[in-house]
N, C-alpha and C. Protein backbone atom coordinates (compact mmCIF):
# COMPACT_ATOMS: atom_id res chain seq x y z
N MET A 1 66.57 -56.37 -58.76
CA MET A 1 67.33 -57.45 -59.35
C MET A 1 68.73 -57.43 -58.73
N THR A 2 69.21 -58.60 -58.31
CA THR A 2 70.54 -58.72 -57.75
C THR A 2 71.31 -59.75 -58.56
N ASN A 3 72.41 -59.34 -59.13
CA ASN A 3 73.26 -60.23 -59.90
C ASN A 3 74.61 -60.32 -59.21
N ALA A 4 75.07 -61.56 -59.06
CA ALA A 4 76.37 -61.79 -58.43
C ALA A 4 77.25 -62.58 -59.38
N VAL A 5 78.54 -62.29 -59.32
CA VAL A 5 79.54 -63.04 -60.06
C VAL A 5 80.49 -63.64 -59.05
N LEU A 6 80.72 -64.93 -59.19
CA LEU A 6 81.69 -65.63 -58.36
C LEU A 6 82.91 -65.87 -59.22
N THR A 7 84.06 -65.43 -58.73
CA THR A 7 85.29 -65.61 -59.47
C THR A 7 86.34 -66.20 -58.54
N GLY A 8 87.40 -66.69 -59.10
CA GLY A 8 88.47 -67.28 -58.32
C GLY A 8 89.38 -68.10 -59.21
N LYS A 9 90.46 -68.59 -58.62
CA LYS A 9 91.42 -69.38 -59.37
C LYS A 9 90.79 -70.68 -59.86
N VAL A 10 91.43 -71.28 -60.83
CA VAL A 10 91.02 -72.58 -61.34
C VAL A 10 91.11 -73.61 -60.21
N HIS A 11 90.08 -74.41 -60.07
CA HIS A 11 90.02 -75.52 -59.11
C HIS A 11 90.00 -75.08 -57.65
N VAL A 12 89.58 -73.84 -57.37
CA VAL A 12 89.53 -73.38 -55.97
C VAL A 12 88.22 -73.79 -55.30
N GLY A 13 87.20 -74.17 -56.06
CA GLY A 13 85.94 -74.62 -55.46
C GLY A 13 84.73 -73.79 -55.83
N LYS A 14 84.73 -73.16 -56.98
CA LYS A 14 83.61 -72.30 -57.38
C LYS A 14 82.31 -73.09 -57.52
N THR A 15 82.38 -74.27 -58.12
CA THR A 15 81.18 -75.09 -58.27
C THR A 15 80.65 -75.53 -56.91
N THR A 16 81.53 -75.86 -56.01
CA THR A 16 81.13 -76.26 -54.65
C THR A 16 80.43 -75.11 -53.93
N VAL A 17 80.93 -73.91 -54.09
CA VAL A 17 80.30 -72.74 -53.48
C VAL A 17 78.92 -72.51 -54.08
N CYS A 18 78.81 -72.63 -55.41
CA CYS A 18 77.49 -72.47 -56.06
C CYS A 18 76.50 -73.49 -55.51
N ARG A 19 76.93 -74.73 -55.35
CA ARG A 19 76.05 -75.77 -54.81
C ARG A 19 75.62 -75.42 -53.39
N ALA A 20 76.54 -74.89 -52.59
CA ALA A 20 76.21 -74.51 -51.21
C ALA A 20 75.24 -73.34 -51.18
N VAL A 21 75.40 -72.37 -52.07
CA VAL A 21 74.46 -71.24 -52.14
C VAL A 21 73.08 -71.76 -52.53
N ALA A 22 73.02 -72.67 -53.50
CA ALA A 22 71.75 -73.26 -53.91
C ALA A 22 71.08 -73.97 -52.74
N ASP A 23 71.86 -74.72 -51.98
CA ASP A 23 71.32 -75.43 -50.81
C ASP A 23 70.78 -74.46 -49.76
N LEU A 24 71.52 -73.39 -49.49
CA LEU A 24 71.07 -72.39 -48.51
C LEU A 24 69.76 -71.74 -48.97
N ALA A 25 69.69 -71.40 -50.24
CA ALA A 25 68.47 -70.77 -50.77
C ALA A 25 67.29 -71.74 -50.68
N ARG A 26 67.50 -72.98 -51.06
CA ARG A 26 66.41 -73.97 -51.00
C ARG A 26 65.94 -74.22 -49.58
N GLN A 27 66.86 -74.22 -48.64
CA GLN A 27 66.50 -74.41 -47.23
C GLN A 27 65.54 -73.33 -46.75
N ARG A 28 65.58 -72.18 -47.38
CA ARG A 28 64.71 -71.07 -47.02
C ARG A 28 63.49 -70.96 -47.92
N GLY A 29 63.29 -72.00 -48.76
CA GLY A 29 62.09 -72.07 -49.58
C GLY A 29 62.16 -71.38 -50.92
N TYR A 30 63.34 -70.98 -51.34
CA TYR A 30 63.50 -70.33 -52.63
C TYR A 30 63.64 -71.36 -53.74
N CYS A 31 63.17 -71.00 -54.91
CA CYS A 31 63.28 -71.85 -56.11
C CYS A 31 64.62 -71.52 -56.79
N VAL A 32 65.46 -72.53 -56.95
CA VAL A 32 66.77 -72.36 -57.56
C VAL A 32 66.83 -73.24 -58.80
N ARG A 33 67.22 -72.62 -59.91
CA ARG A 33 67.37 -73.35 -61.16
C ARG A 33 68.66 -72.90 -61.84
N GLY A 34 69.04 -73.67 -62.86
CA GLY A 34 70.23 -73.34 -63.63
C GLY A 34 71.11 -74.55 -63.79
N ILE A 35 72.41 -74.31 -63.94
CA ILE A 35 73.36 -75.40 -64.18
C ILE A 35 74.61 -75.25 -63.32
N LEU A 36 75.17 -76.40 -62.99
CA LEU A 36 76.50 -76.49 -62.40
C LEU A 36 77.36 -77.31 -63.34
N THR A 37 78.67 -77.12 -63.26
CA THR A 37 79.59 -77.90 -64.08
C THR A 37 80.64 -78.58 -63.20
N PRO A 38 80.23 -79.65 -62.50
CA PRO A 38 81.19 -80.36 -61.65
C PRO A 38 82.21 -81.13 -62.49
N PRO A 39 83.38 -81.38 -61.90
CA PRO A 39 84.42 -82.09 -62.64
C PRO A 39 84.11 -83.57 -62.79
N ILE A 40 84.67 -84.16 -63.84
CA ILE A 40 84.71 -85.61 -64.01
C ILE A 40 86.12 -86.01 -63.62
N LEU A 41 86.24 -86.85 -62.61
CA LEU A 41 87.56 -87.23 -62.08
C LEU A 41 87.84 -88.70 -62.34
N ASP A 42 89.12 -89.03 -62.51
CA ASP A 42 89.50 -90.44 -62.63
C ASP A 42 89.75 -91.00 -61.24
N GLU A 43 90.20 -92.24 -61.17
CA GLU A 43 90.41 -92.91 -59.89
C GLU A 43 91.50 -92.25 -59.04
N ARG A 44 92.35 -91.43 -59.64
CA ARG A 44 93.39 -90.70 -58.90
C ARG A 44 92.98 -89.26 -58.62
N SER A 45 91.71 -88.94 -58.85
CA SER A 45 91.15 -87.59 -58.67
C SER A 45 91.74 -86.57 -59.63
N GLU A 46 92.22 -87.03 -60.79
CA GLU A 46 92.68 -86.11 -61.82
C GLU A 46 91.51 -85.81 -62.75
N ARG A 47 91.44 -84.57 -63.22
CA ARG A 47 90.33 -84.12 -64.06
C ARG A 47 90.39 -84.72 -65.46
N LEU A 48 89.27 -85.35 -65.82
CA LEU A 48 89.11 -85.85 -67.18
C LEU A 48 88.19 -84.96 -67.99
N GLY A 49 87.43 -84.13 -67.30
CA GLY A 49 86.48 -83.27 -67.98
C GLY A 49 85.52 -82.64 -67.00
N VAL A 50 84.38 -82.19 -67.56
CA VAL A 50 83.32 -81.61 -66.73
C VAL A 50 81.96 -82.10 -67.21
N GLU A 51 81.04 -82.18 -66.27
CA GLU A 51 79.66 -82.49 -66.57
C GLU A 51 78.86 -81.20 -66.57
N VAL A 52 77.65 -81.26 -67.08
CA VAL A 52 76.69 -80.19 -66.88
C VAL A 52 75.53 -80.81 -66.12
N LEU A 53 75.14 -80.17 -65.02
CA LEU A 53 74.12 -80.67 -64.11
C LEU A 53 72.95 -79.70 -64.06
N ASP A 54 71.76 -80.20 -64.31
CA ASP A 54 70.53 -79.42 -64.21
C ASP A 54 70.15 -79.33 -62.73
N LEU A 55 70.19 -78.14 -62.16
CA LEU A 55 69.88 -77.96 -60.74
C LEU A 55 68.43 -78.28 -60.40
N ASP A 56 67.55 -78.23 -61.38
CA ASP A 56 66.14 -78.50 -61.14
C ASP A 56 65.86 -80.00 -61.11
N SER A 57 66.33 -80.73 -62.10
CA SER A 57 66.00 -82.16 -62.22
C SER A 57 67.08 -83.08 -61.67
N GLY A 58 68.32 -82.59 -61.56
CA GLY A 58 69.43 -83.43 -61.14
C GLY A 58 70.04 -84.21 -62.29
N GLU A 59 69.49 -84.07 -63.50
CA GLU A 59 70.03 -84.78 -64.66
C GLU A 59 71.41 -84.23 -65.00
N ARG A 60 72.29 -85.13 -65.47
CA ARG A 60 73.67 -84.77 -65.80
C ARG A 60 74.01 -85.25 -67.21
N ARG A 61 74.92 -84.52 -67.84
CA ARG A 61 75.47 -84.92 -69.13
C ARG A 61 76.96 -84.62 -69.13
N ASP A 62 77.75 -85.45 -69.83
CA ASP A 62 79.16 -85.13 -70.02
C ASP A 62 79.24 -83.92 -70.94
N LEU A 63 79.89 -82.86 -70.50
CA LEU A 63 79.97 -81.62 -71.26
C LEU A 63 81.27 -81.50 -72.04
N ALA A 64 82.37 -81.79 -71.39
CA ALA A 64 83.68 -81.63 -72.04
C ALA A 64 84.65 -82.66 -71.46
N ARG A 65 85.58 -83.07 -72.30
CA ARG A 65 86.57 -84.07 -71.88
C ARG A 65 87.95 -83.64 -72.37
N VAL A 66 88.97 -84.06 -71.63
CA VAL A 66 90.35 -83.85 -72.07
C VAL A 66 90.91 -85.13 -72.67
N ASP A 67 90.28 -86.27 -72.41
CA ASP A 67 90.80 -87.57 -72.82
C ASP A 67 90.15 -88.13 -74.08
N GLN A 68 89.23 -87.38 -74.70
CA GLN A 68 88.60 -87.83 -75.94
C GLN A 68 88.02 -86.66 -76.71
N ASP A 69 87.88 -86.84 -78.01
CA ASP A 69 87.32 -85.80 -78.87
C ASP A 69 85.81 -86.01 -78.93
N LEU A 70 85.06 -85.03 -78.43
CA LEU A 70 83.60 -85.13 -78.41
C LEU A 70 82.96 -84.48 -79.63
N GLY A 71 83.78 -83.95 -80.53
CA GLY A 71 83.29 -83.45 -81.80
C GLY A 71 82.79 -82.02 -81.82
N GLY A 72 82.74 -81.37 -80.68
CA GLY A 72 82.26 -79.99 -80.63
C GLY A 72 83.40 -79.00 -80.55
N PRO A 73 83.12 -77.78 -80.11
CA PRO A 73 84.18 -76.78 -80.01
C PRO A 73 85.26 -77.19 -79.02
N ARG A 74 86.42 -76.59 -79.16
CA ARG A 74 87.55 -76.88 -78.28
C ARG A 74 87.99 -75.60 -77.57
N VAL A 75 88.38 -75.76 -76.30
CA VAL A 75 88.99 -74.68 -75.53
C VAL A 75 90.13 -75.32 -74.76
N GLY A 76 91.34 -74.89 -75.05
CA GLY A 76 92.50 -75.50 -74.40
C GLY A 76 92.48 -77.00 -74.63
N PRO A 77 92.67 -77.79 -73.57
CA PRO A 77 92.68 -79.25 -73.75
C PRO A 77 91.27 -79.86 -73.82
N TYR A 78 90.23 -79.05 -73.65
CA TYR A 78 88.87 -79.57 -73.56
C TYR A 78 88.18 -79.64 -74.92
N SER A 79 87.57 -80.78 -75.18
CA SER A 79 86.70 -80.97 -76.33
C SER A 79 85.27 -81.02 -75.80
N PHE A 80 84.40 -80.16 -76.34
CA PHE A 80 83.02 -80.07 -75.86
C PHE A 80 82.08 -80.91 -76.71
N ASP A 81 81.04 -81.40 -76.08
CA ASP A 81 79.98 -82.13 -76.75
C ASP A 81 78.89 -81.13 -77.14
N ALA A 82 78.67 -80.95 -78.44
CA ALA A 82 77.69 -79.97 -78.92
C ALA A 82 76.28 -80.28 -78.44
N THR A 83 75.95 -81.56 -78.34
CA THR A 83 74.61 -81.95 -77.87
C THR A 83 74.42 -81.57 -76.41
N ALA A 84 75.44 -81.80 -75.59
CA ALA A 84 75.37 -81.43 -74.18
C ALA A 84 75.31 -79.92 -74.01
N LEU A 85 76.02 -79.19 -74.86
CA LEU A 85 75.95 -77.72 -74.81
C LEU A 85 74.53 -77.24 -75.11
N ARG A 86 73.91 -77.80 -76.15
CA ARG A 86 72.53 -77.41 -76.48
C ARG A 86 71.57 -77.77 -75.34
N TRP A 87 71.78 -78.94 -74.74
CA TRP A 87 70.95 -79.36 -73.63
C TRP A 87 71.10 -78.37 -72.47
N GLY A 88 72.33 -77.98 -72.14
CA GLY A 88 72.57 -77.00 -71.08
C GLY A 88 71.93 -75.65 -71.39
N GLN A 89 72.00 -75.24 -72.65
CA GLN A 89 71.34 -73.99 -73.06
C GLN A 89 69.84 -74.09 -72.82
N ASP A 90 69.27 -75.25 -73.17
CA ASP A 90 67.83 -75.45 -72.96
C ASP A 90 67.47 -75.43 -71.48
N VAL A 91 68.31 -76.01 -70.65
CA VAL A 91 68.08 -76.00 -69.19
C VAL A 91 68.01 -74.55 -68.70
N ILE A 92 68.96 -73.73 -69.14
CA ILE A 92 68.99 -72.33 -68.72
C ILE A 92 67.77 -71.59 -69.24
N SER A 93 67.43 -71.78 -70.50
CA SER A 93 66.27 -71.11 -71.09
C SER A 93 64.99 -71.50 -70.37
N ARG A 94 64.82 -72.79 -70.08
CA ARG A 94 63.62 -73.25 -69.36
C ARG A 94 63.58 -72.67 -67.95
N ALA A 95 64.74 -72.58 -67.30
CA ALA A 95 64.80 -72.02 -65.94
C ALA A 95 64.31 -70.57 -65.94
N ILE A 96 64.74 -69.81 -66.93
CA ILE A 96 64.33 -68.41 -67.01
C ILE A 96 62.84 -68.32 -67.37
N ALA A 97 62.40 -69.13 -68.32
CA ALA A 97 60.99 -69.09 -68.74
C ALA A 97 60.05 -69.53 -67.63
N ALA A 98 60.45 -70.54 -66.86
CA ALA A 98 59.60 -71.05 -65.78
C ALA A 98 59.60 -70.12 -64.57
N GLY A 99 60.63 -69.32 -64.48
CA GLY A 99 60.75 -68.43 -63.33
C GLY A 99 61.45 -69.12 -62.18
N CYS A 100 62.27 -68.39 -61.50
CA CYS A 100 62.96 -68.91 -60.32
C CYS A 100 63.41 -67.73 -59.48
N ASP A 101 63.68 -68.01 -58.23
CA ASP A 101 64.18 -66.97 -57.34
C ASP A 101 65.67 -66.72 -57.54
N LEU A 102 66.37 -67.76 -57.99
CA LEU A 102 67.80 -67.66 -58.21
C LEU A 102 68.19 -68.51 -59.40
N LEU A 103 68.85 -67.89 -60.38
CA LEU A 103 69.40 -68.59 -61.53
C LEU A 103 70.91 -68.69 -61.32
N ILE A 104 71.43 -69.93 -61.40
CA ILE A 104 72.87 -70.16 -61.27
C ILE A 104 73.39 -70.67 -62.62
N VAL A 105 74.46 -70.05 -63.10
CA VAL A 105 75.12 -70.51 -64.31
C VAL A 105 76.61 -70.64 -64.02
N ASP A 106 77.06 -71.87 -63.97
CA ASP A 106 78.45 -72.24 -63.68
C ASP A 106 78.98 -72.90 -64.95
N GLU A 107 79.66 -72.31 -65.82
CA GLU A 107 80.26 -71.02 -65.76
C GLU A 107 80.18 -70.35 -67.12
N ILE A 108 80.44 -69.05 -67.13
CA ILE A 108 80.60 -68.29 -68.36
C ILE A 108 82.11 -68.17 -68.55
N GLY A 109 82.65 -68.87 -69.56
CA GLY A 109 84.10 -68.94 -69.71
C GLY A 109 84.58 -68.52 -71.08
N ARG A 110 85.73 -69.06 -71.45
CA ARG A 110 86.35 -68.70 -72.73
C ARG A 110 85.47 -69.09 -73.91
N LEU A 111 84.77 -70.21 -73.81
CA LEU A 111 83.90 -70.65 -74.91
C LEU A 111 82.84 -69.60 -75.20
N GLU A 112 82.27 -69.03 -74.15
CA GLU A 112 81.22 -68.03 -74.31
C GLU A 112 81.79 -66.66 -74.67
N LEU A 113 82.82 -66.23 -73.97
CA LEU A 113 83.31 -64.87 -74.10
C LEU A 113 84.30 -64.66 -75.24
N GLU A 114 84.97 -65.71 -75.67
CA GLU A 114 85.93 -65.59 -76.76
C GLU A 114 85.39 -66.15 -78.07
N GLN A 115 84.64 -67.27 -77.99
CA GLN A 115 84.15 -67.91 -79.20
C GLN A 115 82.65 -67.65 -79.45
N HIS A 116 81.98 -67.03 -78.48
CA HIS A 116 80.54 -66.75 -78.58
C HIS A 116 79.74 -68.04 -78.81
N LYS A 117 80.13 -69.11 -78.11
CA LYS A 117 79.47 -70.41 -78.20
C LYS A 117 79.10 -70.83 -76.79
N GLY A 118 78.75 -72.09 -76.63
CA GLY A 118 78.44 -72.62 -75.31
C GLY A 118 77.18 -72.01 -74.74
N PHE A 119 77.27 -71.48 -73.53
CA PHE A 119 76.13 -70.89 -72.84
C PHE A 119 76.08 -69.38 -73.08
N ASN A 120 76.60 -68.95 -74.21
CA ASN A 120 76.65 -67.55 -74.59
C ASN A 120 75.28 -66.89 -74.56
N HIS A 121 74.24 -67.64 -74.92
CA HIS A 121 72.89 -67.05 -74.98
C HIS A 121 72.42 -66.53 -73.63
N VAL A 122 72.98 -67.05 -72.53
CA VAL A 122 72.55 -66.58 -71.21
C VAL A 122 72.86 -65.10 -71.03
N LEU A 123 73.90 -64.62 -71.68
CA LEU A 123 74.24 -63.21 -71.56
C LEU A 123 73.12 -62.35 -72.16
N HIS A 124 72.62 -62.76 -73.31
CA HIS A 124 71.51 -62.04 -73.93
C HIS A 124 70.25 -62.17 -73.07
N LEU A 125 69.98 -63.36 -72.56
CA LEU A 125 68.78 -63.57 -71.73
C LEU A 125 68.83 -62.72 -70.46
N LEU A 126 69.99 -62.63 -69.85
CA LEU A 126 70.11 -61.80 -68.64
C LEU A 126 69.88 -60.33 -68.95
N ALA A 127 70.34 -59.91 -70.11
CA ALA A 127 70.19 -58.50 -70.49
C ALA A 127 68.75 -58.15 -70.85
N THR A 128 67.96 -59.14 -71.26
CA THR A 128 66.60 -58.85 -71.75
C THR A 128 65.50 -59.46 -70.89
N SER A 129 65.84 -60.30 -69.94
CA SER A 129 64.83 -60.98 -69.14
C SER A 129 64.80 -60.46 -67.71
N VAL A 130 63.71 -60.73 -67.07
CA VAL A 130 63.60 -60.39 -65.66
C VAL A 130 63.97 -61.63 -64.85
N VAL A 131 65.18 -61.64 -64.36
CA VAL A 131 65.66 -62.69 -63.46
C VAL A 131 65.91 -61.99 -62.14
N PRO A 132 65.16 -62.33 -61.09
CA PRO A 132 65.30 -61.57 -59.84
C PRO A 132 66.70 -61.64 -59.22
N ARG A 133 67.34 -62.81 -59.35
CA ARG A 133 68.68 -62.98 -58.80
C ARG A 133 69.44 -63.96 -59.68
N SER A 134 70.72 -63.67 -59.89
CA SER A 134 71.56 -64.61 -60.61
C SER A 134 72.91 -64.71 -59.93
N LEU A 135 73.49 -65.89 -60.06
CA LEU A 135 74.85 -66.14 -59.61
C LEU A 135 75.57 -66.78 -60.78
N LEU A 136 76.55 -66.07 -61.32
CA LEU A 136 77.30 -66.54 -62.47
C LEU A 136 78.75 -66.75 -62.07
N VAL A 137 79.34 -67.81 -62.59
CA VAL A 137 80.76 -68.06 -62.36
C VAL A 137 81.52 -67.55 -63.58
N VAL A 138 82.51 -66.68 -63.32
CA VAL A 138 83.35 -66.11 -64.37
C VAL A 138 84.78 -66.07 -63.83
N ARG A 139 85.70 -66.62 -64.57
CA ARG A 139 87.10 -66.58 -64.13
C ARG A 139 87.60 -65.14 -64.09
N ALA A 140 88.49 -64.88 -63.15
CA ALA A 140 89.02 -63.52 -62.96
C ALA A 140 89.62 -62.96 -64.24
N SER A 141 90.31 -63.79 -64.99
CA SER A 141 90.96 -63.32 -66.22
C SER A 141 89.96 -62.91 -67.29
N LEU A 142 88.69 -63.27 -67.14
CA LEU A 142 87.67 -62.96 -68.13
C LEU A 142 86.68 -61.90 -67.66
N LEU A 143 86.86 -61.37 -66.46
CA LEU A 143 85.90 -60.42 -65.91
C LEU A 143 85.73 -59.17 -66.78
N ARG A 144 86.81 -58.61 -67.25
CA ARG A 144 86.72 -57.39 -68.07
C ARG A 144 85.92 -57.66 -69.34
N ARG A 145 86.19 -58.76 -69.98
CA ARG A 145 85.47 -59.13 -71.20
C ARG A 145 83.99 -59.37 -70.89
N PHE A 146 83.73 -60.01 -69.77
CA PHE A 146 82.36 -60.27 -69.33
C PHE A 146 81.60 -58.95 -69.13
N ARG A 147 82.22 -58.01 -68.43
CA ARG A 147 81.58 -56.72 -68.17
C ARG A 147 81.28 -55.95 -69.46
N ARG A 148 82.17 -56.08 -70.45
CA ARG A 148 81.92 -55.43 -71.74
C ARG A 148 80.70 -56.01 -72.44
N ARG A 149 80.41 -57.28 -72.20
CA ARG A 149 79.26 -57.91 -72.84
C ARG A 149 77.94 -57.51 -72.17
N LEU A 150 77.98 -57.14 -70.89
CA LEU A 150 76.78 -56.76 -70.15
C LEU A 150 76.98 -55.43 -69.43
N PRO A 151 77.27 -54.37 -70.15
CA PRO A 151 77.59 -53.10 -69.49
C PRO A 151 76.40 -52.49 -68.74
N GLU A 152 75.19 -52.84 -69.12
CA GLU A 152 74.01 -52.24 -68.51
C GLU A 152 73.61 -52.90 -67.18
N LEU A 153 74.15 -54.05 -66.88
CA LEU A 153 73.79 -54.75 -65.65
C LEU A 153 74.83 -54.52 -64.56
N GLU A 154 74.33 -54.39 -63.35
CA GLU A 154 75.20 -54.26 -62.19
C GLU A 154 75.42 -55.65 -61.58
N PHE A 155 76.64 -55.93 -61.19
CA PHE A 155 76.99 -57.19 -60.56
C PHE A 155 77.78 -56.93 -59.29
N VAL A 156 77.52 -57.75 -58.28
CA VAL A 156 78.35 -57.79 -57.09
C VAL A 156 79.36 -58.90 -57.34
N ILE A 157 80.64 -58.59 -57.19
CA ILE A 157 81.70 -59.57 -57.46
C ILE A 157 82.16 -60.19 -56.15
N PHE A 158 82.18 -61.52 -56.11
CA PHE A 158 82.69 -62.27 -54.97
C PHE A 158 83.91 -63.05 -55.43
N LYS A 159 85.04 -62.84 -54.76
CA LYS A 159 86.27 -63.56 -55.11
C LYS A 159 86.48 -64.70 -54.12
N LEU A 160 86.48 -65.91 -54.65
CA LEU A 160 86.69 -67.10 -53.83
C LEU A 160 88.18 -67.37 -53.68
N THR A 161 88.58 -67.62 -52.43
CA THR A 161 89.96 -68.00 -52.12
C THR A 161 89.91 -69.22 -51.21
N GLU A 162 91.04 -69.81 -51.01
CA GLU A 162 91.09 -70.94 -50.06
C GLU A 162 90.72 -70.48 -48.66
N ASP A 163 91.00 -69.23 -48.32
CA ASP A 163 90.73 -68.72 -46.98
C ASP A 163 89.24 -68.46 -46.72
N ASN A 164 88.46 -68.10 -47.76
CA ASN A 164 87.05 -67.78 -47.52
C ASN A 164 86.08 -68.83 -48.06
N ARG A 165 86.61 -69.97 -48.48
CA ARG A 165 85.79 -71.02 -49.08
C ARG A 165 84.62 -71.45 -48.20
N ASP A 166 84.84 -71.54 -46.90
CA ASP A 166 83.80 -72.03 -46.00
C ASP A 166 82.76 -70.98 -45.64
N THR A 167 83.12 -69.71 -45.68
CA THR A 167 82.20 -68.65 -45.27
C THR A 167 81.51 -67.95 -46.45
N LEU A 168 82.09 -68.05 -47.62
CA LEU A 168 81.56 -67.30 -48.77
C LEU A 168 80.14 -67.71 -49.19
N PRO A 169 79.76 -68.99 -49.14
CA PRO A 169 78.38 -69.31 -49.53
C PRO A 169 77.33 -68.54 -48.74
N ARG A 170 77.50 -68.43 -47.43
CA ARG A 170 76.55 -67.68 -46.61
C ARG A 170 76.56 -66.19 -46.94
N GLU A 171 77.75 -65.67 -47.19
CA GLU A 171 77.87 -64.26 -47.54
C GLU A 171 77.14 -63.97 -48.86
N ILE A 172 77.32 -64.84 -49.84
CA ILE A 172 76.64 -64.67 -51.13
C ILE A 172 75.14 -64.79 -50.96
N ALA A 173 74.69 -65.81 -50.25
CA ALA A 173 73.24 -66.00 -50.03
C ALA A 173 72.65 -64.81 -49.30
N GLN A 174 73.36 -64.31 -48.31
CA GLN A 174 72.89 -63.14 -47.57
C GLN A 174 72.72 -61.94 -48.50
N ARG A 175 73.69 -61.73 -49.34
CA ARG A 175 73.64 -60.58 -50.25
C ARG A 175 72.53 -60.74 -51.29
N LEU A 176 72.39 -61.95 -51.82
CA LEU A 176 71.37 -62.19 -52.85
C LEU A 176 69.95 -62.05 -52.29
N PHE A 177 69.76 -62.54 -51.09
CA PHE A 177 68.41 -62.57 -50.52
C PHE A 177 68.20 -61.55 -49.42
N LEU A 178 69.26 -60.79 -49.10
CA LEU A 178 69.17 -59.74 -48.08
C LEU A 178 68.51 -60.21 -46.79
N THR A 179 68.87 -61.45 -46.40
CA THR A 179 68.37 -62.03 -45.16
C THR A 179 69.53 -62.71 -44.46
N GLN A 180 69.32 -63.02 -43.22
CA GLN A 180 70.34 -63.73 -42.44
C GLN A 180 70.28 -65.21 -42.82
N CYS A 181 71.31 -65.72 -43.47
CA CYS A 181 71.41 -67.13 -43.84
C CYS A 181 72.34 -67.80 -42.86
N GLN A 182 71.78 -68.61 -41.99
CA GLN A 182 72.60 -69.25 -40.96
C GLN A 182 72.77 -70.72 -41.22
């Protein structure tokens, strides 16, 4: 089992790197499932929120917004949609139950690690399920808390920076699949 954590500053491109790793794995015939959380941008490219995207089906839901109250939990300026959170949890659970070569969860954040909500259940599933490979996004400021929640699992940590943004997807794919990803 190989577990990787992708960390980096806010808005450095963690979701983009996850998408690139998924593409590299699929190009080599691997089954990739899980979720991404791409931003919702306005016409000036300012963040209004985030979506949750099912990597298997391509279906998307609005997950959190800064410009409206969605009635669910709050983290900072974000209001979460409880229905979208449950849907994302189901996507992750189905991905694990159906089996995949790589499970991606973008991201495990303050909602999960501080409030024990959101995609929190993935931590339990990873600790009790056989997932051959996982790539989880965790902000650097939450890494210590994350490790305390999963002390029995080993993770390879990849730190995304502006300097390694273009090369890191191949490095992660290589490490996860122990093959040359070109």
